[in-house]
Structures are given as C-alpha cells and as structure tokens.
Protein backbone atom coordinates (compact mmCIF):
# COMPACT_ATOMS: atom_id res chain seq x y z
CA UNK A 1 -0.96 -27.53 -15.54
CA UNK A 2 -3.58 -27.63 -12.58
CA UNK A 3 -1.58 -27.48 -9.60
CA UNK A 4 -2.57 -30.24 -6.93
CA UNK A 5 -4.84 -29.69 -3.49
CA UNK A 6 -2.12 -28.47 -0.75
CA UNK A 7 -2.87 -31.18 2.43
CA UNK A 8 -5.86 -30.33 4.86
CA UNK A 9 -4.74 -28.10 8.43
CA UNK A 10 -7.44 -30.02 10.91
CA UNK A 11 -9.11 -25.84 10.15
CA UNK A 12 -12.49 -26.77 10.48
CA UNK A 13 -12.88 -30.29 12.54
CA UNK A 14 -16.42 -30.76 13.65
CA UNK A 15 -18.20 -28.12 12.67
CA UNK A 16 -20.72 -28.22 9.75
CA UNK A 17 -21.05 -26.12 6.09
CA UNK A 18 -23.22 -25.82 3.55
CA UNK A 19 -22.34 -25.08 -0.17
CA UNK A 20 -24.32 -23.32 -2.58
CA UNK A 21 -23.25 -24.45 -6.57
CA UNK A 22 -20.65 -27.03 -4.98
CA UNK A 23 -21.94 -29.23 -7.94
CA UNK A 24 -18.91 -29.57 -10.99
CA UNK A 25 -15.33 -28.37 -11.31
CA UNK A 26 -16.00 -24.36 -10.15
CA UNK A 27 -15.67 -22.50 -6.96
CA UNK A 28 -18.12 -24.30 -5.03
CA UNK A 29 -16.44 -28.25 -6.17
CA UNK A 30 -13.14 -27.04 -4.52
CA UNK A 31 -14.94 -25.55 -1.39
CA UNK A 32 -16.00 -28.75 -0.74
CA UNK A 33 -13.49 -30.77 -1.48
CA UNK A 34 -11.24 -28.59 0.45
CA UNK A 35 -13.91 -28.43 3.34
CA UNK A 36 -13.68 -31.65 4.11
CA UNK A 37 -10.10 -31.92 3.83
CA UNK A 38 -10.09 -29.05 6.98
CA UNK A 39 -11.85 -31.81 7.94
CA UNK A 40 -15.42 -30.62 7.96
CA UNK A 41 -19.71 -32.09 7.49
CA UNK A 42 -20.57 -30.75 4.43
CA UNK A 43 -24.31 -30.27 2.98
CA UNK A 44 -23.84 -30.41 -1.19
CA UNK A 45 -26.37 -27.54 -2.86
CA UNK A 46 -27.69 -26.85 -7.44
CA UNK A 47 -29.90 -27.01 -9.32
CA UNK A 48 -28.54 -29.06 -11.39
CA UNK A 49 -29.47 -32.27 -9.81
CA UNK A 50 -27.54 -34.67 -12.05
CA UNK A 51 -24.50 -33.38 -11.54
CA UNK A 52 -24.91 -32.83 -8.01
CA UNK A 53 -25.16 -36.20 -7.43
CA UNK A 54 -22.51 -37.33 -8.99
CA UNK A 55 -20.56 -34.59 -7.08
CA UNK A 56 -21.98 -35.42 -4.26
CA UNK A 57 -21.03 -39.52 -4.91
CA UNK A 58 -17.60 -39.00 -5.16
CA UNK A 59 -17.10 -36.75 -2.57
CA UNK A 60 -18.66 -39.46 0.26
CA UNK A 61 -16.52 -42.31 -2.08
CA UNK A 62 -13.65 -39.94 -1.01
CA UNK A 63 -14.33 -39.04 2.56
CA UNK A 64 -16.97 -41.15 3.59
CA UNK A 65 -21.17 -40.70 3.48
CA UNK A 66 -21.06 -39.62 6.93
CA UNK A 67 -19.95 -36.66 6.04
CA UNK A 68 -21.73 -35.89 3.55
CA UNK A 69 -24.82 -34.92 2.69
CA UNK A 70 -26.75 -33.09 -1.00
CA UNK A 71 -29.79 -31.83 -1.73
CA UNK A 72 -31.10 -29.40 -4.77
CA UNK A 73 -31.58 -26.12 -4.46
CA UNK A 74 -32.53 -23.78 -6.89
CA UNK A 75 -31.09 -20.42 -4.92
CA UNK A 76 -34.17 -18.63 -6.44
CA UNK A 77 -36.47 -20.03 -4.85
CA UNK A 78 -37.13 -19.42 -0.86
CA UNK A 79 -38.78 -22.18 -0.49
CA UNK A 80 -35.88 -25.00 -1.22
CA UNK A 81 -33.33 -22.76 0.03
CA UNK A 82 -35.40 -23.13 3.79
CA UNK A 83 -35.80 -26.40 2.83
CA UNK A 84 -31.58 -26.92 2.28
CA UNK A 85 -31.23 -24.76 5.77
CA UNK A 86 -33.21 -27.15 7.27
CA UNK A 87 -32.58 -30.22 5.98
CA UNK A 88 -28.93 -29.86 6.10
CA UNK A 89 -29.52 -29.08 10.52
CA UNK A 90 -31.40 -32.03 9.71
CA UNK A 91 -29.11 -33.99 8.57
CA UNK A 92 -25.95 -33.32 10.95
CA UNK A 93 -27.53 -31.60 14.24
CA UNK A 94 -26.81 -28.18 13.23
CA UNK A 95 -24.85 -25.59 11.11
CA UNK A 96 -22.08 -23.26 11.36
CA UNK A 97 -20.72 -21.79 7.50
CA UNK A 98 -22.64 -21.28 4.74
CA UNK A 99 -21.05 -20.99 1.54
CA UNK A 100 -22.97 -18.62 -0.51
CA UNK A 101 -20.95 -19.67 -3.87
CA UNK A 102 -23.97 -20.13 -6.51
CA UNK A 103 -24.40 -16.88 -9.27
CA UNK A 104 -24.55 -15.90 -12.89
CA UNK A 105 -23.14 -15.14 -15.36
CA UNK A 106 -23.34 -14.27 -19.25
CA UNK A 107 -22.40 -11.65 -21.12
CA UNK A 108 -24.33 -8.19 -23.31
CA UNK A 109 -23.88 -4.51 -23.76
CA UNK A 110 -25.83 -2.56 -21.66
CA UNK A 111 -27.05 -1.10 -24.85
CA UNK A 112 -28.65 -4.75 -25.77
CA UNK A 113 -29.54 -5.79 -22.63
CA UNK A 114 -32.94 -6.91 -21.66
CA UNK A 115 -34.86 -7.14 -18.93
CA UNK A 116 -34.83 -10.68 -18.36
CA UNK A 117 -30.66 -11.01 -18.81
CA UNK A 118 -30.05 -8.62 -16.33
CA UNK A 119 -33.17 -10.11 -14.14
CA UNK A 120 -32.24 -13.24 -13.84
CA UNK A 121 -28.04 -12.39 -13.15
CA UNK A 122 -29.86 -10.60 -10.30
CA UNK A 123 -32.43 -13.33 -9.19
CA UNK A 124 -29.60 -15.37 -8.89
CA UNK A 125 -26.34 -14.23 -7.23
CA UNK A 126 -27.71 -11.39 -5.25
CA UNK A 127 -30.89 -11.89 -4.84
CA UNK A 128 -29.86 -15.48 -4.37
CA UNK A 129 -27.04 -15.19 -1.73
CA UNK A 130 -29.72 -12.71 0.20
CA UNK A 131 -32.14 -16.28 0.56
CA UNK A 132 -29.49 -18.20 1.82
CA UNK A 133 -28.11 -15.64 3.47
CA UNK A 134 -30.77 -14.88 5.42
CA UNK A 135 -31.93 -18.38 5.97
CA UNK A 136 -29.09 -19.44 6.98
CA UNK A 137 -28.62 -16.55 9.53
CA UNK A 138 -31.48 -17.00 10.74
CA UNK A 139 -30.54 -20.44 11.92
CA UNK A 140 -27.24 -19.97 14.09
CA UNK A 141 -28.72 -16.97 15.96
CA UNK A 142 -31.99 -19.85 16.59
CA UNK A 143 -28.56 -22.11 17.06
CA UNK A 144 -27.87 -19.71 19.97
CA UNK A 145 -25.69 -18.04 17.54
CA UNK A 146 -21.51 -17.73 16.85
CA UNK A 147 -20.68 -19.66 12.99
CA UNK A 148 -19.95 -17.13 10.21
CA UNK A 149 -20.94 -16.24 6.71
CA UNK A 150 -18.45 -16.62 3.47
CA UNK A 151 -19.87 -15.03 -0.23
CA UNK A 152 -18.59 -15.28 -3.41
CA UNK A 153 -18.14 -11.57 -4.74
CA UNK A 154 -15.99 -11.04 -7.58
CA UNK A 155 -13.54 -8.49 -8.83
CA UNK A 156 -15.75 -6.96 -10.59
CA UNK A 157 -18.15 -5.41 -7.64
CA UNK A 158 -14.91 -3.26 -7.84
CA UNK A 159 -13.52 -3.08 -11.19
CA UNK A 160 -14.79 -2.49 -14.98
CA UNK A 161 -14.89 -4.97 -17.10
CA UNK A 162 -17.54 -4.81 -20.83
CA UNK A 163 -20.42 -6.79 -21.38
CA UNK A 164 -21.23 -7.00 -17.30
CA UNK A 165 -23.05 -4.75 -15.94
CA UNK A 166 -25.63 -7.18 -14.88
CA UNK A 167 -22.74 -9.27 -13.21
CA UNK A 168 -20.58 -6.24 -12.31
CA UNK A 169 -24.02 -4.76 -10.11
CA UNK A 170 -24.99 -8.10 -8.91
CA UNK A 171 -21.50 -9.02 -6.98
CA UNK A 172 -21.30 -4.92 -5.98
CA UNK A 173 -24.27 -5.16 -4.73
CA UNK A 174 -22.50 -8.45 -2.62
CA UNK A 175 -19.92 -6.59 -1.16
CA UNK A 176 -22.48 -4.49 -0.15
CA UNK A 177 -24.34 -7.21 1.26
CA UNK A 178 -21.76 -8.13 3.30
CA UNK A 179 -20.68 -5.43 5.06
CA UNK A 180 -23.90 -4.28 5.88
CA UNK A 181 -25.77 -7.89 7.04
CA UNK A 182 -22.15 -8.44 9.00
CA UNK A 183 -23.90 -5.16 11.86
CA UNK A 184 -27.53 -6.23 11.51
CA UNK A 185 -26.03 -10.31 13.06
CA UNK A 186 -22.61 -8.63 14.99
CA UNK A 187 -23.95 -8.99 17.92
CA UNK A 188 -24.75 -12.68 17.92
CA UNK A 189 -21.38 -13.55 17.33
CA UNK A 190 -21.36 -14.45 14.01
CA UNK A 191 -19.15 -12.88 10.97
CA UNK A 192 -20.02 -12.47 7.66
CA UNK A 193 -17.34 -11.94 5.10
CA UNK A 194 -17.01 -12.43 1.64
CA UNK A 195 -14.26 -13.04 -1.18
CA UNK A 196 -13.71 -11.60 -4.71
CA UNK A 197 -11.57 -13.89 -7.23
CA UNK A 198 -10.34 -12.61 -10.30
CA UNK A 199 -10.06 -15.25 -12.38
CA UNK A 200 -10.47 -19.01 -11.17
CA UNK A 201 -10.85 -20.74 -14.56
CA UNK A 202 -12.72 -23.90 -14.93
CA UNK A 203 -14.55 -26.09 -17.77
CA UNK A 204 -17.83 -23.85 -17.07
CA UNK A 205 -15.99 -20.36 -16.88
CA UNK A 206 -14.86 -21.08 -20.90
CA UNK A 207 -18.52 -21.88 -22.19
CA UNK A 208 -19.77 -18.80 -21.10
CA UNK A 209 -16.43 -16.19 -22.05
CA UNK A 210 -14.58 -16.19 -25.56
CA UNK A 211 -11.53 -17.67 -25.50
CA UNK A 212 -9.67 -14.04 -26.64
CA UNK A 213 -11.43 -12.47 -23.16
CA UNK A 214 -10.19 -14.99 -21.52
CA UNK A 215 -6.44 -14.68 -23.31
CA UNK A 216 -6.48 -10.82 -21.79
CA UNK A 217 -7.71 -11.80 -18.65
CA UNK A 218 -4.69 -13.60 -18.21
CA UNK A 219 -2.62 -10.90 -19.50
CA UNK A 220 -3.54 -8.35 -16.56
CA UNK A 221 -2.73 -11.53 -13.43
CA UNK A 222 0.23 -10.36 -11.70
CA UNK A 223 1.38 -14.60 -11.87
CA UNK A 224 0.89 -14.78 -16.12
CA UNK A 225 -2.49 -17.21 -15.02
CA UNK A 226 -5.56 -17.73 -13.47
CA UNK A 227 -6.26 -18.85 -9.89
CA UNK A 228 -7.00 -23.08 -9.40
CA UNK A 229 -10.45 -23.24 -7.60
CA UNK A 230 -9.24 -24.20 -4.57
CA UNK A 231 -6.74 -20.97 -4.42
CA UNK A 232 -10.57 -19.40 -3.68
CA UNK A 233 -11.77 -22.25 -1.62
CA UNK A 234 -8.91 -21.79 0.30
CA UNK A 235 -8.96 -18.24 1.46
CA UNK A 236 -13.26 -19.27 1.60
CA UNK A 237 -11.66 -21.98 5.06
CA UNK A 238 -10.29 -19.21 6.22
CA UNK A 239 -12.58 -17.03 6.74
CA UNK A 240 -15.03 -20.05 7.87
CA UNK A 241 -12.54 -21.50 10.41
CA UNK A 242 -11.45 -20.29 13.81
CA UNK A 243 -8.40 -17.50 12.03
CA UNK A 244 -10.93 -15.32 11.28
CA UNK A 245 -12.33 -14.45 14.57
CA UNK A 246 -11.83 -10.40 14.10
CA UNK A 247 -12.73 -11.02 10.14
CA UNK A 248 -16.51 -9.40 9.31
CA UNK A 249 -17.96 -7.40 6.94
CA UNK A 250 -14.87 -7.59 4.87
CA UNK A 251 -14.16 -8.62 1.24
CA UNK A 252 -11.03 -10.21 0.54
CA UNK A 253 -9.54 -9.82 -3.39
CA UNK A 254 -8.58 -13.13 -4.16
CA UNK A 255 -6.34 -11.77 -6.82
CA UNK A 256 -3.05 -10.70 -8.84
CA UNK A 257 -5.07 -8.58 -11.39
CA UNK A 258 -3.00 -6.06 -12.02
CA UNK A 259 -4.46 -2.14 -13.17
C-alpha cells in the first residue's frame, strides 16, 4: 500500500529547481512534487514530450502554472541540455538547484552485452549527468555562485548485481563525478552531492526488471519493502536545501538494504 507524501515544511521557498527525467511516477516526478511542496518553482524536463506535457499540466493544476515550467530534453544532446538550463533561467529569472535524475537501465550479462548497450547506458546515465551538471554549474557561477546540484546515483555503484555491469559502472561513475565536481566548484559556494537509492518501486521499474528479481531485492531490505519514490525525493530535497549547507561531495545511501 502506497504511503502518502508528508506535508511540506518550506525548505525550498524562493528557490528555482530544474529536474531531469521528471515525467511519470518515478523518482523524478516525486522530486518535482516534493520540491513544489517545499515552496520551490520547478522546471521539469523529460525526453518523452507527451508524458512530460501531461506531468506538467497536472503539476500546474495542483501548484499553480506560475510555479511550473516544462521543456523536453534528451540529455544525450548538449544543445538540448543548454536550452533547458537557459530556458529555465529565463522563465524564473535564475537557477538555484539542479537535480540530475535521468538514467537508462536494462539487463545483460557482460558476456552477451553489445557495445551499443554499454554505450547507450553510459551516455544517458553518466555522460548525461555530466552534461546537465556542467551547464547548470556554469549558470550558477555566472550568477555569482551558490546553489546546489543533486545527482541520482545507485547502491549498485557500490554493490554487485548480475546483469548490471553497464548500469553499475555508470552509477559508480556518477559517484566519482559528484565528488570531483564538488571540489571544482567549492570556491564558488556551490554544493554537489548525490543520493544512492537501493530499490524505489514504480511502474517503469517493473517493466525493465523481472518480478523474480524485484521480489528477491525486496527480501534484502530491512523494512521488507521497497522505498516509495518520495522517500528518495525527500533526501534530494534535504541536499538541495540550506539544511545541507556543509555537505558537498557526499553520496548518501537511501536504503534499508543489508548485505
């Protein structure tokens, strides 16, 4: 049974947040709702234009059109990423937080994996995160510094799972990218952190992973259940907020998983 989102506490009032892969019912969509609940204005983006339009309409209806802006973006395109960042800054006047949620999964044994499968996952999940972070950081620096970037990694950046060599390598890369980028921009007062969820259940995940695998993963969780997407989004909100003012270069596990 789904647990309801908690009420907002005003943690992001006055801030402008850009979120990739924000359409639908996954972590990105939950992050958009939680940021809006906390008082932010939010630019939502996704590679799926029709699904994004439906998500943006629902958010605007709930939170007010003046606080929601949407723009399709394929994170494998540097030009589209730049258009997203520039467009959000024009719409709201500035940028404060970038949440990099876009990622591509799949399952393939390393012995059967093709170069295209490997490259596709890394281009979206790792290089796409770099493209978005680079554009957002340049904008934050041009504004005079300050602000935050929150990347979505995964516990697979630390732990092994059969069939996930490409995805795990990409997420481990997101962790290293987070730590190094944090040092690059610390002098500008910009914080860069990441979350590493273990298992947040949503319909898309059920489409790309077998039921047997999902059931096995649930048994490894101390609470005997998967996380709700908003439970991961809450940690993203914390990292985006001023309550995380002394955290940078950190990867926070959002997990009840035991070895």
